[in-house]
Amino acid sequence: MNNNKKDVAYIMAKHRAEKLKRFYVHGIVFIVVNGFLLLFKVIRNMNNGETFVDALLDWSAATTPLIWGIVLGIHAFSVFGPNIILGRDWEEAKLKQFMKEEERKNNKL
């Protein structure tokens, strides 16, 4: 039974590490894509006669990073924040349930 607890702890730690990795990739993609979009939109607006500040503060240049930033914030909360809705106990209980089901299937074979 002690070995089973170590397996569960390992799986939970691996899951958390994967969530953290996905968040970091999401953050890097956010910075790169929005950097290029902002640069493109500022250059386009400056070619249309706007000043740099006006081009930078244009609503169309800020909508994508703003909305995506909200989504990234929600993603960060799901990775770093407390598990309010389902909780850690729920995840661990489901993991144990699935492991027992797999064990029963393997014993039937």
Foldseek 3Di string as FASTA:
>chain_A
DVVVVVVLVVVVVVVLVVLVVVLVVLVVCLCVVLVVLLVVQLVVVVVVPDDSVCSNPDPVSCPVSVVSVVVSVVSCCVNPNAPPPQGPVNVSVVVVVVVVVVVVVVVVD
